[in-house]
């Protein structure tokens, strides 16, 4: 009974975690490109 509720919560949390990492990665890349463009 306890193992069943934990699986859907992990399935829902995993896409959010991955999407969060993707958003952070895109933001970091954008900031780096802007910094390089402004530096040079």
Protein backbone atom coordinates (compact mmCIF):
# COMPACT_ATOMS: atom_id res chain seq x y z
CA UNK A 1 0.00 0.00 0.00
CA UNK A 2 2.82 2.42 0.83
CA UNK A 3 4.90 1.61 -2.26
CA UNK A 4 2.08 2.42 -4.72
CA UNK A 5 1.57 6.12 -3.81
CA UNK A 6 5.33 6.76 -3.87
CA UNK A 7 5.72 5.69 -7.52
CA UNK A 8 3.30 8.21 -9.11
CA UNK A 9 4.77 11.01 -7.00
CA UNK A 10 8.24 10.15 -8.32
CA UNK A 11 6.95 9.99 -11.90
CA UNK A 12 5.45 13.47 -11.48
CA UNK A 13 8.52 14.88 -9.74
CA UNK A 14 11.04 13.55 -12.28
CA UNK A 15 9.78 15.58 -15.31
CA UNK A 16 9.64 18.71 -13.13
CA UNK A 17 13.21 18.09 -11.97
CA UNK A 18 14.43 17.49 -15.54
CA UNK A 19 12.57 20.54 -16.88
CA UNK A 20 14.03 22.62 -14.05
CA UNK A 21 17.55 21.48 -14.94
CA UNK A 22 16.90 22.29 -18.61
CA UNK A 23 15.63 25.78 -17.74
CA UNK A 24 18.67 26.38 -15.52
CA UNK A 25 21.01 25.13 -18.24
CA UNK A 26 19.38 27.38 -20.87
CA UNK A 27 19.55 30.37 -18.49
CA UNK A 28 23.25 29.72 -17.77
CA UNK A 29 24.07 29.38 -21.48
CA UNK A 30 22.15 32.58 -22.22
CA UNK A 31 23.96 34.49 -19.48
CA UNK A 32 27.34 33.18 -20.67
CA UNK A 33 26.66 34.17 -24.28
CA UNK A 34 25.49 37.65 -23.21
CA UNK A 35 28.54 38.06 -20.97
CA UNK A 36 30.89 37.02 -23.78
CA UNK A 37 29.13 39.29 -26.27
CA UNK A 38 29.35 42.24 -23.88
CA UNK A 39 32.97 41.43 -22.97
CA UNK A 40 34.27 41.29 -26.52
